[in-house]
Protein backbone atom coordinates (compact mmCIF):
# COMPACT_ATOMS: atom_id res chain seq x y z
CA MET A 1 140.44 27.88 246.16
CA PRO A 2 138.90 27.09 242.77
CA TYR A 3 135.20 28.10 242.18
CA VAL A 4 133.24 26.41 239.40
CA ASN A 5 129.79 27.69 238.55
CA ILE A 6 127.72 25.35 236.34
CA ARG A 7 124.42 26.71 234.87
CA ILE A 8 121.77 24.40 233.46
CA THR A 9 118.09 24.68 232.65
CA ARG A 10 115.73 23.52 235.35
CA GLU A 11 114.21 20.56 233.75
CA GLY A 12 114.84 17.29 235.30
CA ALA A 13 118.56 16.79 236.14
CA THR A 14 118.53 14.23 238.94
CA VAL A 15 120.25 14.50 242.24
CA GLU A 16 122.58 11.76 241.03
CA GLN A 17 123.38 13.67 237.83
CA LYS A 18 124.14 16.78 239.77
CA ALA A 19 126.40 14.93 242.16
CA ALA A 20 128.28 13.46 239.14
CA LEU A 21 128.75 17.02 237.77
CA VAL A 22 130.21 18.19 241.15
CA ARG A 23 132.54 15.09 241.28
CA GLY A 24 133.59 15.41 237.63
CA ALA A 25 134.34 19.21 237.77
CA THR A 26 136.29 18.71 240.97
CA GLN A 27 138.23 15.84 239.45
CA LEU A 28 138.98 17.84 236.27
CA LEU A 29 140.55 20.52 238.29
CA VAL A 30 142.69 17.98 240.23
CA ASP A 31 143.81 16.23 236.95
CA VAL A 32 144.43 19.46 234.94
CA LEU A 33 145.65 21.93 237.38
CA GLY A 34 146.76 19.94 240.41
CA LYS A 35 144.12 21.60 242.56
CA ASN A 36 143.19 20.41 245.98
CA PRO A 37 139.69 18.77 245.89
CA GLN A 38 139.15 19.77 249.53
CA THR A 39 139.18 23.34 248.69
CA THR A 40 137.43 23.22 245.29
CA VAL A 41 133.86 24.79 245.26
CA VAL A 42 131.23 23.71 242.74
CA VAL A 43 127.89 25.48 242.45
CA ILE A 44 125.07 24.41 240.13
CA ASP A 45 122.49 27.01 239.22
CA GLU A 46 119.30 25.77 237.85
CA VAL A 47 117.55 28.42 235.63
CA GLU A 48 113.97 28.32 234.47
CA THR A 49 113.67 28.07 230.60
CA ASP A 50 111.60 31.30 230.66
CA ASN A 51 114.68 33.02 232.04
CA TRP A 52 117.18 31.73 229.58
CA GLY A 53 117.26 33.25 226.13
CA ILE A 54 119.06 32.30 222.91
CA GLY A 55 118.85 34.41 219.68
CA GLY A 56 116.26 36.75 221.03
CA GLU A 57 113.90 34.06 222.29
CA THR A 58 113.41 32.18 225.47
CA VAL A 59 114.39 28.47 225.55
CA THR A 60 110.71 27.79 226.45
CA VAL A 61 109.64 29.10 223.09
CA ARG A 62 112.40 27.46 221.20
CA ARG A 63 111.70 24.02 222.76
CA LYS A 64 107.98 24.44 221.88
CA ARG A 65 109.02 24.84 218.28
CA GLY A 66 111.28 21.80 218.52
CA GLN A 67 114.61 23.66 218.50
């Protein structure tokens, strides 16, 4: 049973976009590895930008600076 975990920042991914991610990740495992889509699990974790750091700074700080 494949398990896929997708982590994105919580800032406006729509229900439709998340559904497309689930479908796309599932289909990729079917196409590349021949996995059964009925037993493929996809989980999307949405993380606040204050809890996601890059280069010693939070994403919130970096985005305020325009990076």
